[in-house]
Amino acid sequence: MWREVLERKLVELERRPPHQGTRGFESALLSMLLARHDGALEWLRVALVEGSWGVVMQYFPAFEPLVDRAEFVALLEEAGLCIAARRLSADI
């Protein structure tokens, strides 16, 4: 049941225009909750372009499974979160 609720919310967010709020970040978070890590990375990229996620992403526990992925570290660097990115890339 919870999975269907998350799936519906994700579809709803995907239909939202890019300029409306935190679509990318919310979609990335829902993707993580649905264990869609590749989808979460794609949505984090969208969030970066939208400017909708800020610094919170590096501290959000839901994204912890991504810390050993080079794409995630690259997103942190691109977002200007160099300290977190350097710390993570040293661990990879």
N, C-alpha and C. Protein backbone atom coordinates (compact mmCIF):
# COMPACT_ATOMS: atom_id res chain seq x y z
N MET A 1 0.82 -1.20 0.00
CA MET A 1 0.00 0.00 0.00
C MET A 1 0.86 1.27 0.00
N TRP A 2 1.86 1.33 0.87
CA TRP A 2 2.69 2.53 0.93
C TRP A 2 3.44 2.73 -0.38
N ARG A 3 3.81 1.61 -1.01
CA ARG A 3 4.53 1.71 -2.28
C ARG A 3 3.66 2.37 -3.35
N GLU A 4 2.40 2.02 -3.40
CA GLU A 4 1.49 2.64 -4.38
C GLU A 4 1.32 4.13 -4.12
N VAL A 5 1.26 4.50 -2.85
CA VAL A 5 1.13 5.91 -2.50
C VAL A 5 2.35 6.68 -2.98
N LEU A 6 3.54 6.12 -2.74
CA LEU A 6 4.77 6.78 -3.18
C LEU A 6 4.85 6.85 -4.70
N GLU A 7 4.44 5.77 -5.35
CA GLU A 7 4.44 5.74 -6.83
C GLU A 7 3.53 6.84 -7.39
N ARG A 8 2.34 6.99 -6.82
CA ARG A 8 1.40 8.02 -7.29
C ARG A 8 1.97 9.42 -7.06
N LYS A 9 2.58 9.62 -5.91
CA LYS A 9 3.17 10.93 -5.61
C LYS A 9 4.31 11.24 -6.58
N LEU A 10 5.12 10.24 -6.91
CA LEU A 10 6.22 10.43 -7.84
C LEU A 10 5.69 10.83 -9.22
N VAL A 11 4.66 10.16 -9.69
CA VAL A 11 4.05 10.50 -10.99
C VAL A 11 3.50 11.93 -10.94
N GLU A 12 2.87 12.27 -9.83
CA GLU A 12 2.33 13.62 -9.65
C GLU A 12 3.45 14.67 -9.73
N LEU A 13 4.55 14.40 -9.08
CA LEU A 13 5.68 15.33 -9.11
C LEU A 13 6.29 15.43 -10.50
N GLU A 14 6.37 14.31 -11.21
CA GLU A 14 6.94 14.31 -12.57
C GLU A 14 6.12 15.19 -13.50
N ARG A 15 4.84 15.30 -13.24
CA ARG A 15 3.96 16.11 -14.09
C ARG A 15 4.02 17.59 -13.74
N ARG A 16 4.56 17.91 -12.58
CA ARG A 16 4.64 19.30 -12.15
C ARG A 16 5.66 20.06 -13.00
N PRO A 17 5.33 21.29 -13.38
CA PRO A 17 6.30 22.08 -14.15
C PRO A 17 7.61 22.26 -13.36
N PRO A 18 8.73 22.31 -14.06
CA PRO A 18 10.03 22.39 -13.40
C PRO A 18 10.20 23.59 -12.47
N HIS A 19 9.52 24.66 -12.74
CA HIS A 19 9.72 25.86 -11.95
C HIS A 19 8.92 25.85 -10.64
N GLN A 20 8.15 24.82 -10.39
CA GLN A 20 7.31 24.79 -9.20
C GLN A 20 8.01 24.09 -8.04
N GLY A 21 8.57 24.85 -7.17
CA GLY A 21 9.07 24.36 -5.90
C GLY A 21 10.22 23.38 -5.96
N THR A 22 10.07 22.32 -5.21
CA THR A 22 11.16 21.37 -4.99
C THR A 22 10.91 20.04 -5.70
N ARG A 23 10.39 20.10 -6.88
CA ARG A 23 10.05 18.90 -7.65
C ARG A 23 11.21 17.92 -7.74
N GLY A 24 12.39 18.38 -8.12
CA GLY A 24 13.54 17.49 -8.30
C GLY A 24 13.96 16.82 -7.01
N PHE A 25 14.06 17.61 -5.94
CA PHE A 25 14.49 17.05 -4.66
C PHE A 25 13.46 16.06 -4.12
N GLU A 26 12.19 16.42 -4.16
CA GLU A 26 11.14 15.53 -3.68
C GLU A 26 11.11 14.23 -4.49
N SER A 27 11.28 14.33 -5.80
CA SER A 27 11.28 13.14 -6.65
C SER A 27 12.49 12.26 -6.35
N ALA A 28 13.63 12.88 -6.08
CA ALA A 28 14.83 12.12 -5.70
C ALA A 28 14.60 11.39 -4.39
N LEU A 29 14.00 12.06 -3.45
CA LEU A 29 13.72 11.44 -2.15
C LEU A 29 12.75 10.27 -2.29
N LEU A 30 11.69 10.47 -3.04
CA LEU A 30 10.74 9.37 -3.27
C LEU A 30 11.42 8.21 -4.01
N SER A 31 12.28 8.52 -4.96
CA SER A 31 13.01 7.47 -5.68
C SER A 31 13.86 6.65 -4.72
N MET A 32 14.51 7.31 -3.77
CA MET A 32 15.31 6.59 -2.77
C MET A 32 14.43 5.70 -1.92
N LEU A 33 13.28 6.20 -1.51
CA LEU A 33 12.37 5.40 -0.69
C LEU A 33 11.85 4.18 -1.44
N LEU A 34 11.80 4.29 -2.77
CA LEU A 34 11.38 3.18 -3.62
C LEU A 34 12.56 2.33 -4.09
N ALA A 35 13.76 2.61 -3.54
CA ALA A 35 15.00 1.88 -3.87
C ALA A 35 15.37 2.02 -5.35
N ARG A 36 15.09 3.15 -5.93
CA ARG A 36 15.47 3.47 -7.31
C ARG A 36 16.64 4.44 -7.28
N HIS A 37 17.81 3.93 -7.00
CA HIS A 37 18.97 4.79 -6.81
C HIS A 37 19.38 5.54 -8.07
N ASP A 38 19.32 4.88 -9.22
CA ASP A 38 19.66 5.56 -10.47
C ASP A 38 18.68 6.69 -10.75
N GLY A 39 17.42 6.43 -10.49
CA GLY A 39 16.40 7.47 -10.67
C GLY A 39 16.61 8.63 -9.71
N ALA A 40 17.02 8.31 -8.50
CA ALA A 40 17.29 9.37 -7.51
C ALA A 40 18.43 10.26 -7.99
N LEU A 41 19.48 9.66 -8.53
CA LEU A 41 20.60 10.46 -9.04
C LEU A 41 20.15 11.36 -10.19
N GLU A 42 19.30 10.84 -11.06
CA GLU A 42 18.78 11.65 -12.17
C GLU A 42 17.98 12.84 -11.63
N TRP A 43 17.14 12.57 -10.62
CA TRP A 43 16.32 13.64 -10.05
C TRP A 43 17.16 14.63 -9.27
N LEU A 44 18.25 14.18 -8.64
CA LEU A 44 19.13 15.12 -7.96
C LEU A 44 19.80 16.05 -8.96
N ARG A 45 20.11 15.53 -10.13
CA ARG A 45 20.66 16.37 -11.20
C ARG A 45 19.62 17.42 -11.60
N VAL A 46 18.36 17.02 -11.75
CA VAL A 46 17.28 17.97 -12.06
C VAL A 46 17.17 19.01 -10.95
N ALA A 47 17.24 18.55 -9.70
CA ALA A 47 17.14 19.47 -8.57
C ALA A 47 18.27 20.49 -8.59
N LEU A 48 19.46 20.04 -8.97
CA LEU A 48 20.59 20.96 -9.05
C LEU A 48 20.34 22.04 -10.09
N VAL A 49 19.82 21.63 -11.25
CA VAL A 49 19.51 22.60 -12.31
C VAL A 49 18.40 23.55 -11.86
N GLU A 50 17.39 23.01 -11.16
CA GLU A 50 16.29 23.83 -10.68
C GLU A 50 16.71 24.74 -9.53
N GLY A 51 17.80 24.38 -8.87
CA GLY A 51 18.22 25.14 -7.71
C GLY A 51 17.32 24.92 -6.51
N SER A 52 16.75 23.72 -6.40
CA SER A 52 15.70 23.49 -5.41
C SER A 52 16.13 22.65 -4.21
N TRP A 53 17.39 22.31 -4.09
CA TRP A 53 17.72 21.37 -3.02
C TRP A 53 18.76 21.87 -2.04
N GLY A 54 19.63 22.73 -2.45
CA GLY A 54 20.58 23.33 -1.54
C GLY A 54 21.47 22.34 -0.81
N VAL A 55 21.88 22.73 0.35
CA VAL A 55 22.85 21.98 1.14
C VAL A 55 22.23 20.76 1.81
N VAL A 56 20.94 20.72 1.97
CA VAL A 56 20.29 19.66 2.74
C VAL A 56 20.59 18.26 2.22
N MET A 57 20.80 18.12 0.92
CA MET A 57 20.98 16.80 0.32
C MET A 57 22.14 16.04 0.95
N GLN A 58 23.22 16.72 1.27
CA GLN A 58 24.39 16.01 1.80
C GLN A 58 24.14 15.45 3.20
N TYR A 59 23.16 15.99 3.90
CA TYR A 59 22.88 15.56 5.26
C TYR A 59 21.64 14.67 5.37
N PHE A 60 20.94 14.48 4.28
CA PHE A 60 19.68 13.75 4.31
C PHE A 60 19.96 12.26 4.36
N PRO A 61 19.56 11.57 5.42
CA PRO A 61 19.89 10.14 5.58
C PRO A 61 19.39 9.25 4.44
N ALA A 62 18.32 9.63 3.80
CA ALA A 62 17.78 8.79 2.72
C ALA A 62 18.78 8.62 1.58
N PHE A 63 19.71 9.58 1.42
CA PHE A 63 20.67 9.52 0.33
C PHE A 63 21.96 8.80 0.71
N GLU A 64 22.03 8.30 1.93
CA GLU A 64 23.24 7.62 2.38
C GLU A 64 23.66 6.45 1.49
N PRO A 65 22.74 5.67 0.92
CA PRO A 65 23.18 4.59 0.02
C PRO A 65 23.93 5.07 -1.22
N LEU A 66 23.89 6.36 -1.50
CA LEU A 66 24.55 6.90 -2.69
C LEU A 66 25.96 7.39 -2.42
N VAL A 67 26.39 7.43 -1.17
CA VAL A 67 27.66 8.09 -0.86
C VAL A 67 28.87 7.44 -1.51
N ASP A 68 28.77 6.17 -1.87
CA ASP A 68 29.92 5.52 -2.51
C ASP A 68 29.84 5.55 -4.03
N ARG A 69 28.91 6.31 -4.56
CA ARG A 69 28.76 6.43 -6.02
C ARG A 69 29.44 7.70 -6.50
N ALA A 70 30.27 7.56 -7.50
CA ALA A 70 31.01 8.70 -8.05
C ALA A 70 30.06 9.79 -8.55
N GLU A 71 28.90 9.39 -9.09
CA GLU A 71 27.94 10.37 -9.59
C GLU A 71 27.43 11.28 -8.47
N PHE A 72 27.23 10.70 -7.30
CA PHE A 72 26.76 11.46 -6.15
C PHE A 72 27.83 12.46 -5.70
N VAL A 73 29.06 12.00 -5.63
CA VAL A 73 30.17 12.88 -5.25
C VAL A 73 30.29 14.02 -6.26
N ALA A 74 30.15 13.71 -7.54
CA ALA A 74 30.21 14.73 -8.58
C ALA A 74 29.10 15.77 -8.41
N LEU A 75 27.91 15.31 -8.04
CA LEU A 75 26.80 16.24 -7.80
C LEU A 75 27.11 17.16 -6.62
N LEU A 76 27.69 16.60 -5.57
CA LEU A 76 28.08 17.42 -4.42
C LEU A 76 29.08 18.48 -4.84
N GLU A 77 30.07 18.08 -5.62
CA GLU A 77 31.08 19.03 -6.10
C GLU A 77 30.44 20.11 -6.96
N GLU A 78 29.55 19.69 -7.85
CA GLU A 78 28.89 20.65 -8.74
C GLU A 78 28.02 21.63 -7.96
N ALA A 79 27.47 21.16 -6.84
CA ALA A 79 26.62 22.02 -6.01
C ALA A 79 27.45 22.92 -5.10
N GLY A 80 28.77 22.76 -5.15
CA GLY A 80 29.63 23.59 -4.32
C GLY A 80 29.80 23.05 -2.91
N LEU A 81 29.52 21.79 -2.73
CA LEU A 81 29.65 21.15 -1.41
C LEU A 81 30.95 20.37 -1.38
N CYS A 82 32.03 21.08 -1.63
CA CYS A 82 33.35 20.46 -1.84
C CYS A 82 33.86 19.70 -0.63
N ILE A 83 33.60 20.20 0.57
CA ILE A 83 34.11 19.50 1.77
C ILE A 83 33.50 18.12 1.86
N ALA A 84 32.19 18.04 1.69
CA ALA A 84 31.52 16.74 1.73
C ALA A 84 31.98 15.87 0.58
N ALA A 85 32.14 16.43 -0.57
CA ALA A 85 32.57 15.67 -1.75
C ALA A 85 33.98 15.11 -1.55
N ARG A 86 34.88 15.93 -1.02
CA ARG A 86 36.25 15.45 -0.78
C ARG A 86 36.26 14.33 0.25
N ARG A 87 35.46 14.48 1.29
CA ARG A 87 35.39 13.46 2.33
C ARG A 87 34.89 12.15 1.73
N LEU A 88 33.84 12.23 0.92
CA LEU A 88 33.27 11.02 0.33
C LEU A 88 34.21 10.40 -0.70
N SER A 89 34.83 11.22 -1.54
CA SER A 89 35.70 10.66 -2.58
C SER A 89 36.93 10.01 -1.97
N ALA A 90 37.35 10.44 -0.81
CA ALA A 90 38.48 9.80 -0.13
C ALA A 90 38.11 8.40 0.35
N ASP A 91 36.80 8.23 0.61
CA ASP A 91 36.32 6.93 1.08
C ASP A 91 36.06 5.95 -0.05
N ILE A 92 35.90 6.46 -1.28
CA ILE A 92 35.54 5.59 -2.42
C ILE A 92 36.74 4.77 -2.86
